[in-house]
Amino acid sequence: MTTLFDVLTVTCFVALVIAFFRFTERDNRTLLHFMLAGIVFAVANQVGNAGSFYLALILILAGAGYAVLIVRR
């Protein structure tokens, strides 16, 4: 992990895993939604490493916001 986006997206992914086990009912539908957020974090990592700082931040915020919406549902 050499860049800011590596650290940030891995931290977000770990938070997704903790949220899944801690705050949800652990059903398949919720897991699929969290997988979508994880994919967004992976894309944000690649975009950020390629040099598009603002787009990567927007993707990270969108993935985190989506995960929060899923947990609150």
Protein backbone atom coordinates (compact mmCIF):
# COMPACT_ATOMS: atom_id res chain seq x y z
CA MET A 1 0.00 0.00 0.00
CA THR A 2 1.89 2.93 -1.29
CA THR A 3 -0.65 5.63 -2.10
CA LEU A 4 -3.30 7.50 -0.18
CA PHE A 5 -6.01 5.78 -2.19
CA ASP A 6 -4.69 2.32 -1.33
CA VAL A 7 -4.93 3.06 2.38
CA LEU A 8 -8.26 4.86 2.11
CA THR A 9 -10.06 2.25 0.03
CA VAL A 10 -8.75 -0.70 2.03
CA THR A 11 -9.92 1.05 5.20
CA CYS A 12 -13.36 1.56 3.65
CA PHE A 13 -13.48 -2.09 2.63
CA VAL A 14 -12.60 -3.21 6.17
CA ALA A 15 -15.35 -0.92 7.46
CA LEU A 16 -17.77 -2.63 5.03
CA VAL A 17 -16.86 -6.04 6.41
CA ILE A 18 -17.27 -4.89 9.99
CA ALA A 19 -20.60 -3.21 9.19
CA PHE A 20 -21.86 -6.35 7.47
CA PHE A 21 -21.17 -8.56 10.46
CA ARG A 22 -22.03 -6.03 13.14
CA PHE A 23 -25.02 -4.04 11.90
CA THR A 24 -26.92 -6.21 9.41
CA GLU A 25 -28.87 -9.46 9.39
CA ARG A 26 -26.16 -11.11 7.24
CA ASP A 27 -28.45 -12.10 4.39
CA ASN A 28 -27.43 -12.56 0.76
CA ARG A 29 -29.22 -9.47 -0.49
CA THR A 30 -27.30 -7.21 1.89
CA LEU A 31 -24.06 -8.95 0.94
CA LEU A 32 -24.70 -8.23 -2.73
CA HIS A 33 -25.28 -4.55 -1.97
CA PHE A 34 -22.06 -4.44 0.04
CA MET A 35 -20.22 -6.17 -2.80
CA LEU A 36 -21.38 -3.36 -5.09
CA ALA A 37 -19.95 -0.79 -2.67
CA GLY A 38 -16.71 -2.81 -2.51
CA ILE A 39 -16.46 -2.75 -6.30
CA VAL A 40 -16.92 1.03 -6.23
CA PHE A 41 -14.04 1.26 -3.74
CA ALA A 42 -11.83 -0.87 -6.00
CA VAL A 43 -12.63 1.32 -9.00
CA ALA A 44 -11.97 4.44 -6.92
CA ASN A 45 -8.59 3.03 -5.95
CA GLN A 46 -7.61 2.45 -9.56
CA VAL A 47 -8.91 5.85 -10.66
CA GLY A 48 -7.08 7.58 -7.81
CA ASN A 49 -3.85 5.76 -8.56
CA ALA A 50 -4.19 6.81 -12.20
CA GLY A 51 -4.20 10.45 -11.14
CA SER A 52 -7.83 11.52 -11.06
CA PHE A 53 -8.01 12.71 -7.45
CA TYR A 54 -11.46 14.32 -7.43
CA LEU A 55 -13.24 11.54 -9.30
CA ALA A 56 -11.77 9.00 -6.91
CA LEU A 57 -12.96 11.00 -3.91
CA ILE A 58 -16.45 11.25 -5.39
CA LEU A 59 -16.52 7.48 -5.92
CA ILE A 60 -15.34 6.81 -2.37
CA LEU A 61 -17.99 9.12 -0.93
CA ALA A 62 -20.66 7.55 -3.13
CA GLY A 63 -19.67 4.03 -2.05
CA ALA A 64 -19.61 4.99 1.62
CA GLY A 65 -22.94 6.78 1.34
CA TYR A 66 -24.51 3.80 -0.38
CA ALA A 67 -23.21 1.48 2.35
CA VAL A 68 -24.66 3.74 5.03
CA LEU A 69 -28.02 3.68 3.27
CA ILE A 70 -27.95 -0.12 3.15
CA VAL A 71 -27.09 -0.41 6.84
CA ARG A 72 -29.85 2.01 7.86
CA ARG A 73 -32.47 0.17 5.79
